[in-house]
Amino acid sequence: MYARYMVRALVAVLVGVVACANPNLGRAKHARYDADAASVFQGALDATQSRYSTLEAFPGQGLIKTAWHQVRDDGGSTLESTQQQRTMGGTGTLTRHAHRRVFVRFDIRVTGERPYTVAVKSFGAEWKPGNAMPTELDGVARPGWVEKYADSLRADIYERLRSWAVAPATTASR
């Protein structure tokens, strides 16, 4: 029983830390936007494109799908920061040290009726030296940094659409 209270306390602290890190995140996750669907879609598209330039947009479906983009993981490793420069080996051939690389992609969907919501679904993948293709990270293999990137994108979309954000419906007091 004690362990259950400790877990709840830890979760509450972590939620507080995340909320302090980005004050718009809580609003972004539950935001509804009172504008026409095309304006909400364009705002979400602009915010997404400012971070992830390679994407496909399907305005009729209210769907944006980004390509896989290489990002930093918890350790801060990226292709740019971890790949060592090519050096001349003892035989005069070029050699390079390979490192693990991580990627994210997103499906963003404008849903519902006015006021609209914007849903962000995130995906993570990892490429390790020797593998032909990256491996998608799902379930228990899904690291926390994937959601960190999704939260950052949610906050950017919210910031772009904030002028149309409406307060969530509340229940009437008795």
N, C-alpha and C. Protein backbone atom coordinates (compact mmCIF):
# COMPACT_ATOMS: atom_id res chain seq x y z
N MET A 1 0.83 -1.18 0.00
CA MET A 1 0.00 0.00 0.00
C MET A 1 0.87 1.25 0.00
N TYR A 2 1.94 1.23 0.78
CA TYR A 2 2.87 2.36 0.84
C TYR A 2 3.45 2.64 -0.54
N ALA A 3 3.80 1.57 -1.25
CA ALA A 3 4.40 1.72 -2.59
C ALA A 3 3.42 2.42 -3.54
N ARG A 4 2.15 2.12 -3.44
CA ARG A 4 1.16 2.74 -4.31
C ARG A 4 1.12 4.26 -4.07
N TYR A 5 1.18 4.68 -2.81
CA TYR A 5 1.19 6.12 -2.50
C TYR A 5 2.46 6.79 -2.99
N MET A 6 3.56 6.07 -2.89
CA MET A 6 4.83 6.62 -3.37
C MET A 6 4.80 6.81 -4.89
N VAL A 7 4.23 5.84 -5.60
CA VAL A 7 4.12 5.95 -7.06
C VAL A 7 3.23 7.13 -7.42
N ARG A 8 2.11 7.29 -6.74
CA ARG A 8 1.21 8.42 -7.01
C ARG A 8 1.92 9.74 -6.75
N ALA A 9 2.66 9.81 -5.66
CA ALA A 9 3.38 11.04 -5.32
C ALA A 9 4.43 11.35 -6.38
N LEU A 10 5.14 10.34 -6.83
CA LEU A 10 6.16 10.53 -7.86
C LEU A 10 5.54 11.01 -9.16
N VAL A 11 4.42 10.42 -9.54
CA VAL A 11 3.72 10.84 -10.76
C VAL A 11 3.27 12.29 -10.64
N ALA A 12 2.74 12.67 -9.49
CA ALA A 12 2.30 14.06 -9.29
C ALA A 12 3.47 15.03 -9.41
N VAL A 13 4.62 14.67 -8.85
CA VAL A 13 5.81 15.52 -8.95
C VAL A 13 6.26 15.63 -10.40
N LEU A 14 6.29 14.52 -11.11
CA LEU A 14 6.72 14.54 -12.51
C LEU A 14 5.78 15.37 -13.37
N VAL A 15 4.48 15.26 -13.14
CA VAL A 15 3.52 16.07 -13.88
C VAL A 15 3.77 17.54 -13.60
N GLY A 16 4.04 17.88 -12.37
CA GLY A 16 4.35 19.26 -12.02
C GLY A 16 5.60 19.77 -12.69
N VAL A 17 6.63 18.95 -12.74
CA VAL A 17 7.88 19.35 -13.40
C VAL A 17 7.65 19.59 -14.88
N VAL A 18 6.92 18.70 -15.53
CA VAL A 18 6.63 18.85 -16.96
C VAL A 18 5.81 20.11 -17.20
N ALA A 19 4.81 20.36 -16.35
CA ALA A 19 3.98 21.54 -16.52
C ALA A 19 4.79 22.81 -16.36
N CYS A 20 5.75 22.82 -15.44
CA CYS A 20 6.61 23.99 -15.26
C CYS A 20 7.54 24.18 -16.44
N ALA A 21 7.97 23.09 -17.06
CA ALA A 21 8.89 23.18 -18.18
C ALA A 21 8.23 23.88 -19.36
N ASN A 22 6.96 23.66 -19.60
CA ASN A 22 6.25 24.29 -20.69
C ASN A 22 4.84 24.60 -20.22
N PRO A 23 4.58 25.84 -19.83
CA PRO A 23 3.28 26.18 -19.26
C PRO A 23 2.11 25.98 -20.23
N ASN A 24 2.36 25.99 -21.54
CA ASN A 24 1.28 25.80 -22.51
C ASN A 24 0.96 24.34 -22.77
N LEU A 25 1.78 23.43 -22.27
CA LEU A 25 1.59 22.02 -22.59
C LEU A 25 0.25 21.49 -22.11
N GLY A 26 -0.13 21.79 -20.90
CA GLY A 26 -1.42 21.33 -20.39
C GLY A 26 -2.57 21.86 -21.22
N ARG A 27 -2.50 23.12 -21.59
CA ARG A 27 -3.54 23.70 -22.45
C ARG A 27 -3.51 23.07 -23.83
N ALA A 28 -2.31 22.83 -24.35
CA ALA A 28 -2.16 22.29 -25.70
C ALA A 28 -2.78 20.90 -25.83
N LYS A 29 -2.64 20.09 -24.80
CA LYS A 29 -3.16 18.72 -24.86
C LYS A 29 -4.68 18.67 -24.89
N HIS A 30 -5.34 19.69 -24.37
CA HIS A 30 -6.80 19.67 -24.27
C HIS A 30 -7.47 20.81 -25.04
N ALA A 31 -6.70 21.50 -25.86
CA ALA A 31 -7.21 22.68 -26.54
C ALA A 31 -8.24 22.33 -27.61
N ARG A 32 -9.18 23.24 -27.76
CA ARG A 32 -10.16 23.20 -28.84
C ARG A 32 -10.10 24.58 -29.49
N TYR A 33 -10.26 24.60 -30.81
CA TYR A 33 -10.07 25.84 -31.56
C TYR A 33 -11.33 26.21 -32.31
N ASP A 34 -11.85 27.43 -31.99
CA ASP A 34 -13.08 27.92 -32.58
C ASP A 34 -12.75 28.76 -33.82
N ALA A 35 -12.47 28.06 -34.90
CA ALA A 35 -12.20 28.67 -36.20
C ALA A 35 -12.63 27.66 -37.26
N ASP A 36 -12.65 28.09 -38.51
CA ASP A 36 -13.01 27.13 -39.55
C ASP A 36 -11.91 26.07 -39.66
N ALA A 37 -12.29 24.90 -40.16
CA ALA A 37 -11.39 23.75 -40.22
C ALA A 37 -10.14 24.07 -41.04
N ALA A 38 -10.29 24.81 -42.12
CA ALA A 38 -9.13 25.12 -42.97
C ALA A 38 -8.11 25.97 -42.23
N SER A 39 -8.56 26.91 -41.41
CA SER A 39 -7.64 27.76 -40.64
C SER A 39 -6.91 26.95 -39.57
N VAL A 40 -7.64 26.07 -38.90
CA VAL A 40 -7.02 25.23 -37.87
C VAL A 40 -5.99 24.30 -38.53
N PHE A 41 -6.37 23.71 -39.65
CA PHE A 41 -5.46 22.83 -40.37
C PHE A 41 -4.20 23.60 -40.80
N GLN A 42 -4.38 24.79 -41.36
CA GLN A 42 -3.22 25.57 -41.83
C GLN A 42 -2.31 25.96 -40.67
N GLY A 43 -2.88 26.32 -39.54
CA GLY A 43 -2.06 26.65 -38.36
C GLY A 43 -1.26 25.44 -37.89
N ALA A 44 -1.90 24.28 -37.85
CA ALA A 44 -1.21 23.05 -37.45
C ALA A 44 -0.12 22.71 -38.46
N LEU A 45 -0.42 22.88 -39.74
CA LEU A 45 0.56 22.61 -40.79
C LEU A 45 1.76 23.55 -40.67
N ASP A 46 1.51 24.84 -40.48
CA ASP A 46 2.61 25.81 -40.36
C ASP A 46 3.50 25.50 -39.16
N ALA A 47 2.88 25.19 -38.01
CA ALA A 47 3.66 24.87 -36.81
C ALA A 47 4.48 23.61 -37.01
N THR A 48 3.89 22.60 -37.63
CA THR A 48 4.59 21.34 -37.87
C THR A 48 5.74 21.54 -38.85
N GLN A 49 5.46 22.28 -39.93
CA GLN A 49 6.47 22.49 -40.96
C GLN A 49 7.65 23.31 -40.46
N SER A 50 7.44 24.15 -39.46
CA SER A 50 8.54 24.94 -38.92
C SER A 50 9.56 24.06 -38.19
N ARG A 51 9.14 22.88 -37.72
CA ARG A 51 10.04 21.94 -37.04
C ARG A 51 10.46 20.78 -37.93
N TYR A 52 9.53 20.27 -38.72
CA TYR A 52 9.75 19.06 -39.51
C TYR A 52 9.37 19.36 -40.96
N SER A 53 10.35 19.71 -41.75
CA SER A 53 10.09 20.23 -43.09
C SER A 53 9.58 19.19 -44.08
N THR A 54 9.91 17.94 -43.89
CA THR A 54 9.49 16.92 -44.83
C THR A 54 8.20 16.27 -44.32
N LEU A 55 7.11 16.53 -45.04
CA LEU A 55 5.82 16.02 -44.62
C LEU A 55 4.87 15.93 -45.80
N GLU A 56 3.75 15.27 -45.55
CA GLU A 56 2.66 15.20 -46.52
C GLU A 56 1.43 15.77 -45.84
N ALA A 57 0.69 16.61 -46.58
CA ALA A 57 -0.52 17.21 -46.04
C ALA A 57 -1.72 16.74 -46.84
N PHE A 58 -2.79 16.37 -46.13
CA PHE A 58 -4.03 15.91 -46.73
C PHE A 58 -5.17 16.76 -46.16
N PRO A 59 -5.33 18.00 -46.69
CA PRO A 59 -6.32 18.92 -46.11
C PRO A 59 -7.74 18.36 -46.08
N GLY A 60 -8.15 17.63 -47.10
CA GLY A 60 -9.50 17.07 -47.14
C GLY A 60 -9.76 16.09 -46.01
N GLN A 61 -8.71 15.46 -45.52
CA GLN A 61 -8.82 14.50 -44.42
C GLN A 61 -8.43 15.12 -43.08
N GLY A 62 -7.93 16.36 -43.12
CA GLY A 62 -7.45 17.00 -41.89
C GLY A 62 -6.23 16.31 -41.33
N LEU A 63 -5.37 15.75 -42.20
CA LEU A 63 -4.25 14.92 -41.77
C LEU A 63 -2.92 15.46 -42.27
N ILE A 64 -1.93 15.46 -41.39
CA ILE A 64 -0.55 15.82 -41.72
C ILE A 64 0.30 14.64 -41.26
N LYS A 65 1.17 14.15 -42.13
CA LYS A 65 2.05 13.03 -41.80
C LYS A 65 3.48 13.48 -42.07
N THR A 66 4.30 13.52 -41.03
CA THR A 66 5.70 13.88 -41.25
C THR A 66 6.49 12.65 -41.67
N ALA A 67 7.61 12.90 -42.31
CA ALA A 67 8.56 11.82 -42.60
C ALA A 67 9.35 11.55 -41.31
N TRP A 68 10.17 10.52 -41.32
CA TRP A 68 11.06 10.27 -40.19
C TRP A 68 12.11 11.38 -40.18
N HIS A 69 12.34 11.97 -39.02
CA HIS A 69 13.36 13.00 -38.86
C HIS A 69 14.31 12.58 -37.75
N GLN A 70 15.59 12.72 -38.00
CA GLN A 70 16.57 12.38 -36.99
C GLN A 70 16.57 13.44 -35.90
N VAL A 71 16.61 13.00 -34.64
CA VAL A 71 16.55 13.91 -33.49
C VAL A 71 17.57 13.47 -32.44
N ARG A 72 17.67 14.25 -31.39
CA ARG A 72 18.50 13.90 -30.24
C ARG A 72 17.71 12.99 -29.32
N ASP A 73 18.41 12.05 -28.70
CA ASP A 73 17.76 11.23 -27.68
C ASP A 73 18.16 11.79 -26.32
N ASP A 74 17.88 11.09 -25.25
CA ASP A 74 18.22 11.57 -23.91
C ASP A 74 19.69 11.91 -23.76
N GLY A 75 20.53 11.15 -24.43
CA GLY A 75 21.96 11.38 -24.34
C GLY A 75 22.45 12.51 -25.21
N GLY A 76 21.55 13.11 -25.97
CA GLY A 76 21.94 14.23 -26.81
C GLY A 76 22.67 13.81 -28.07
N SER A 77 22.60 12.52 -28.45
CA SER A 77 23.35 12.10 -29.62
C SER A 77 22.54 12.33 -30.88
N THR A 78 23.17 12.87 -31.88
CA THR A 78 22.58 13.02 -33.20
C THR A 78 23.65 12.68 -34.21
N LEU A 79 23.25 12.59 -35.43
CA LEU A 79 24.21 12.33 -36.50
C LEU A 79 25.28 13.41 -36.48
N GLU A 80 24.85 14.66 -36.32
CA GLU A 80 25.80 15.76 -36.35
C GLU A 80 26.73 15.78 -35.14
N SER A 81 26.18 15.43 -33.96
CA SER A 81 27.00 15.55 -32.76
C SER A 81 27.83 14.31 -32.45
N THR A 82 27.45 13.15 -32.98
CA THR A 82 28.19 11.95 -32.61
C THR A 82 29.03 11.37 -33.73
N GLN A 83 28.69 11.69 -34.95
CA GLN A 83 29.47 11.12 -36.05
C GLN A 83 30.85 11.77 -36.04
N GLN A 84 31.86 10.96 -35.97
CA GLN A 84 33.21 11.50 -35.97
C GLN A 84 33.63 11.78 -37.40
N GLN A 85 34.46 12.79 -37.56
CA GLN A 85 34.93 13.14 -38.88
C GLN A 85 35.73 11.99 -39.47
N ARG A 86 35.69 11.88 -40.76
CA ARG A 86 36.48 10.85 -41.43
C ARG A 86 37.96 11.15 -41.22
N THR A 87 38.69 10.10 -40.95
CA THR A 87 40.13 10.27 -40.73
C THR A 87 40.89 9.29 -41.60
N MET A 88 42.09 9.60 -41.87
CA MET A 88 42.92 8.70 -42.66
C MET A 88 43.37 7.54 -41.79
N GLY A 89 43.08 6.31 -42.21
CA GLY A 89 43.50 5.13 -41.47
C GLY A 89 44.95 4.80 -41.81
N GLY A 90 45.46 3.82 -41.13
CA GLY A 90 46.85 3.42 -41.34
C GLY A 90 47.15 2.99 -42.76
N THR A 91 46.13 2.52 -43.47
CA THR A 91 46.35 2.04 -44.84
C THR A 91 46.05 3.11 -45.88
N GLY A 92 45.67 4.30 -45.42
CA GLY A 92 45.34 5.35 -46.36
C GLY A 92 43.88 5.35 -46.78
N THR A 93 43.06 4.47 -46.21
CA THR A 93 41.64 4.45 -46.56
C THR A 93 40.86 5.29 -45.56
N LEU A 94 39.72 5.81 -45.98
CA LEU A 94 38.88 6.59 -45.10
C LEU A 94 38.08 5.67 -44.20
N THR A 95 38.02 5.98 -42.91
CA THR A 95 37.21 5.19 -41.97
C THR A 95 36.28 6.13 -41.22
N ARG A 96 35.23 5.57 -40.63
CA ARG A 96 34.26 6.37 -39.88
C ARG A 96 33.70 5.51 -38.76
N HIS A 97 33.49 6.12 -37.61
CA HIS A 97 32.88 5.41 -36.48
C HIS A 97 31.37 5.61 -36.56
N ALA A 98 30.63 4.52 -36.59
CA ALA A 98 29.18 4.60 -36.66
C ALA A 98 28.59 4.66 -35.25
N HIS A 99 27.48 5.36 -35.10
CA HIS A 99 26.79 5.49 -33.83
C HIS A 99 25.30 5.28 -34.02
N ARG A 100 24.65 4.97 -32.94
CA ARG A 100 23.21 4.81 -32.90
C ARG A 100 22.55 6.14 -33.29
N ARG A 101 21.46 6.05 -34.03
CA ARG A 101 20.71 7.24 -34.43
C ARG A 101 19.24 7.02 -34.13
N VAL A 102 18.55 8.08 -33.73
CA VAL A 102 17.14 7.97 -33.39
C VAL A 102 16.31 8.94 -34.23
N PHE A 103 15.05 8.55 -34.45
CA PHE A 103 14.17 9.28 -35.34
C PHE A 103 12.78 9.39 -34.75
N VAL A 104 12.05 10.46 -35.13
CA VAL A 104 10.64 10.59 -34.78
C VAL A 104 9.86 10.94 -36.04
N ARG A 105 8.60 10.62 -36.00
CA ARG A 105 7.65 11.08 -37.01
C ARG A 105 6.30 11.25 -36.33
N PHE A 106 5.40 12.00 -36.98
CA PHE A 106 4.12 12.31 -36.37
C PHE A 106 2.99 12.21 -37.38
N ASP A 107 1.81 11.86 -36.88
CA ASP A 107 0.56 12.00 -37.60
C ASP A 107 -0.23 13.03 -36.82
N ILE A 108 -0.58 14.14 -37.47
CA ILE A 108 -1.34 15.21 -36.84
C ILE A 108 -2.69 15.26 -37.53
N ARG A 109 -3.76 15.27 -36.73
CA ARG A 109 -5.10 15.23 -37.31
C ARG A 109 -5.98 16.29 -36.65
N VAL A 110 -6.66 17.06 -37.49
CA VAL A 110 -7.69 18.00 -37.04
C VAL A 110 -8.99 17.22 -37.00
N THR A 111 -9.61 17.14 -35.81
CA THR A 111 -10.76 16.27 -35.63
C THR A 111 -11.96 16.99 -35.04
N GLY A 112 -13.09 16.33 -35.13
CA GLY A 112 -14.31 16.80 -34.50
C GLY A 112 -15.04 17.84 -35.32
N GLU A 113 -15.92 18.54 -34.63
CA GLU A 113 -16.65 19.66 -35.20
C GLU A 113 -16.24 20.91 -34.48
N ARG A 114 -16.59 22.05 -35.03
CA ARG A 114 -16.20 23.31 -34.42
C ARG A 114 -16.74 23.38 -33.01
N PRO A 115 -15.94 23.66 -32.02
CA PRO A 115 -14.49 23.90 -32.05
C PRO A 115 -13.70 22.60 -32.25
N TYR A 116 -12.67 22.67 -33.06
CA TYR A 116 -11.88 21.52 -33.48
C TYR A 116 -10.77 21.20 -32.48
N THR A 117 -10.33 19.95 -32.49
CA THR A 117 -9.16 19.55 -31.72
C THR A 117 -8.06 19.14 -32.69
N VAL A 118 -6.83 19.18 -32.21
CA VAL A 118 -5.69 18.75 -33.00
C VAL A 118 -5.00 17.63 -32.23
N ALA A 119 -5.02 16.43 -32.81
CA ALA A 119 -4.42 15.26 -32.16
C ALA A 119 -3.05 15.00 -32.78
N VAL A 120 -2.07 14.76 -31.92
CA VAL A 120 -0.70 14.46 -32.36
C VAL A 120 -0.35 13.05 -31.91
N LYS A 121 -0.09 12.18 -32.88
CA LYS A 121 0.34 10.81 -32.59
C LYS A 121 1.81 10.70 -32.97
N SER A 122 2.63 10.22 -32.05
CA SER A 122 4.08 10.18 -32.26
C SER A 122 4.59 8.76 -32.44
N PHE A 123 5.70 8.65 -33.18
CA PHE A 123 6.35 7.37 -33.43
C PHE A 123 7.85 7.58 -33.27
N GLY A 124 8.54 6.60 -32.72
CA GLY A 124 9.99 6.66 -32.57
C GLY A 124 10.65 5.46 -33.22
N ALA A 125 11.89 5.66 -33.66
CA ALA A 125 12.65 4.56 -34.25
C ALA A 125 14.12 4.76 -33.91
N GLU A 126 14.86 3.65 -33.98
CA GLU A 126 16.28 3.67 -33.66
C GLU A 126 17.03 2.87 -34.71
N TRP A 127 18.14 3.42 -35.17
CA TRP A 127 19.03 2.69 -36.07
C TRP A 127 20.31 2.43 -35.32
N LYS A 128 20.77 1.19 -35.35
CA LYS A 128 22.03 0.81 -34.72
C LYS A 128 22.99 0.35 -35.81
N PRO A 129 24.28 0.58 -35.60
CA PRO A 129 25.27 0.12 -36.58
C PRO A 129 25.09 -1.37 -36.88
N GLY A 130 25.13 -1.69 -38.15
CA GLY A 130 24.98 -3.07 -38.56
C GLY A 130 23.57 -3.41 -39.02
N ASN A 131 22.58 -2.62 -38.62
CA ASN A 131 21.20 -2.86 -39.05
C ASN A 131 20.96 -2.21 -40.40
N ALA A 132 20.22 -2.87 -41.25
CA ALA A 132 19.90 -2.30 -42.56
C ALA A 132 18.88 -1.18 -42.44
N MET A 133 17.92 -1.33 -41.52
CA MET A 133 16.83 -0.36 -41.37
C MET A 133 16.66 -0.01 -39.90
N PRO A 134 16.10 1.19 -39.64
CA PRO A 134 15.77 1.51 -38.25
C PRO A 134 14.66 0.60 -37.72
N THR A 135 14.64 0.41 -36.41
CA THR A 135 13.62 -0.38 -35.74
C THR A 135 12.66 0.56 -35.04
N GLU A 136 11.36 0.39 -35.31
CA GLU A 136 10.38 1.24 -34.63
C GLU A 136 10.32 0.86 -33.16
N LEU A 137 10.25 1.85 -32.29
CA LEU A 137 10.22 1.65 -30.85
C LEU A 137 8.78 1.79 -30.37
N ASP A 138 8.22 0.69 -29.90
CA ASP A 138 6.82 0.69 -29.51
C ASP A 138 6.66 -0.06 -28.21
N GLY A 139 5.56 0.16 -27.53
CA GLY A 139 5.29 -0.54 -26.28
C GLY A 139 6.33 -0.21 -25.23
N VAL A 140 6.85 -1.25 -24.55
CA VAL A 140 7.82 -1.03 -23.48
C VAL A 140 9.16 -0.54 -24.04
N ALA A 141 9.41 -0.74 -25.33
CA ALA A 141 10.66 -0.27 -25.95
C ALA A 141 10.61 1.21 -26.29
N ARG A 142 9.44 1.83 -26.16
CA ARG A 142 9.27 3.24 -26.52
C ARG A 142 9.86 4.13 -25.42
N PRO A 143 10.93 4.86 -25.74
CA PRO A 143 11.56 5.72 -24.72
C PRO A 143 10.80 7.03 -24.53
N GLY A 144 11.04 7.67 -23.41
CA GLY A 144 10.36 8.92 -23.06
C GLY A 144 10.64 10.07 -24.00
N TRP A 145 11.80 10.07 -24.66
CA TRP A 145 12.12 11.20 -25.53
C TRP A 145 11.16 11.31 -26.70
N VAL A 146 10.49 10.22 -27.09
CA VAL A 146 9.53 10.30 -28.20
C VAL A 146 8.38 11.23 -27.81
N GLU A 147 7.85 11.02 -26.62
CA GLU A 147 6.75 11.87 -26.16
C GLU A 147 7.20 13.30 -25.91
N LYS A 148 8.45 13.47 -25.54
CA LYS A 148 8.99 14.83 -25.34
C LYS A 148 8.89 15.63 -26.64
N TYR A 149 9.23 15.00 -27.75
CA TYR A 149 9.12 15.68 -29.04
C TYR A 149 7.67 15.93 -29.41
N ALA A 150 6.79 14.99 -29.10
CA ALA A 150 5.36 15.18 -29.37
C ALA A 150 4.81 16.35 -28.56
N ASP A 151 5.18 16.42 -27.28
CA ASP A 151 4.72 17.51 -26.42
C ASP A 151 5.21 18.86 -26.94
N SER A 152 6.44 18.90 -27.41
CA SER A 152 6.99 20.14 -27.96
C SER A 152 6.21 20.57 -29.21
N LEU A 153 5.87 19.62 -30.05
CA LEU A 153 5.07 19.92 -31.24
C LEU A 153 3.67 20.37 -30.85
N ARG A 154 3.06 19.70 -29.87
CA ARG A 154 1.73 20.11 -29.39
C ARG A 154 1.75 21.56 -28.90
N ALA A 155 2.78 21.91 -28.15
CA ALA A 155 2.90 23.28 -27.64
C ALA A 155 3.09 24.28 -28.78
N ASP A 156 3.86 23.93 -29.80
CA ASP A 156 4.04 24.81 -30.96
C ASP A 156 2.72 25.02 -31.70
N ILE A 157 1.97 23.95 -31.88
CA ILE A 157 0.67 24.07 -32.56
C ILE A 157 -0.26 24.95 -31.74
N TYR A 158 -0.28 24.73 -30.43
CA TYR A 158 -1.11 25.56 -29.55
C TYR A 158 -0.71 27.03 -29.66
N GLU A 159 0.57 27.29 -29.63
CA GLU A 159 1.05 28.68 -29.72
C GLU A 159 0.59 29.32 -31.03
N ARG A 160 0.63 28.56 -32.11
CA ARG A 160 0.23 29.06 -33.42
C ARG A 160 -1.28 29.34 -33.47
N LEU A 161 -2.06 28.51 -32.78
CA LEU A 161 -3.52 28.61 -32.83
C LEU A 161 -4.15 29.24 -31.59
N ARG A 162 -3.33 29.75 -30.70
CA ARG A 162 -3.81 30.22 -29.40
C ARG A 162 -4.95 31.24 -29.49
N SER A 163 -4.93 32.09 -30.49
CA SER A 163 -5.97 33.13 -30.59
C SER A 163 -7.36 32.52 -30.81
N TRP A 164 -7.43 31.28 -31.29
CA TRP A 164 -8.71 30.61 -31.50
C TRP A 164 -9.04 29.60 -30.40
N ALA A 165 -8.16 29.45 -29.44
CA ALA A 165 -8.38 28.47 -28.36
C ALA A 165 -9.56 28.91 -27.50
N VAL A 166 -10.39 27.94 -27.16
CA VAL A 166 -11.53 28.21 -26.28
C VAL A 166 -11.39 27.36 -25.03
N ALA A 167 -11.94 27.85 -23.95
CA ALA A 167 -11.88 27.13 -22.68
C ALA A 167 -12.64 25.83 -22.80
N PRO A 168 -12.13 24.77 -22.20
CA PRO A 168 -12.86 23.49 -22.24
C PRO A 168 -14.20 23.64 -21.54
N ALA A 169 -15.16 22.85 -21.97
CA ALA A 169 -16.50 22.90 -21.36
C ALA A 169 -16.41 22.52 -19.89
N THR A 170 -17.12 23.24 -19.06
CA THR A 170 -17.15 22.93 -17.62
C THR A 170 -18.57 22.55 -17.24
N THR A 171 -18.70 21.81 -16.17
CA THR A 171 -20.02 21.42 -15.69
C THR A 171 -20.60 22.56 -14.88
N ALA A 172 -21.89 22.74 -14.98
CA ALA A 172 -22.58 23.81 -14.24
C ALA A 172 -22.56 23.48 -12.75
N SER A 173 -22.40 24.52 -11.94
CA SER A 173 -22.40 24.29 -10.50
C SER A 173 -23.82 24.05 -10.01
N ARG A 174 -23.95 23.30 -8.93
CA ARG A 174 -25.28 22.93 -8.40
C ARG A 174 -25.89 24.02 -7.61
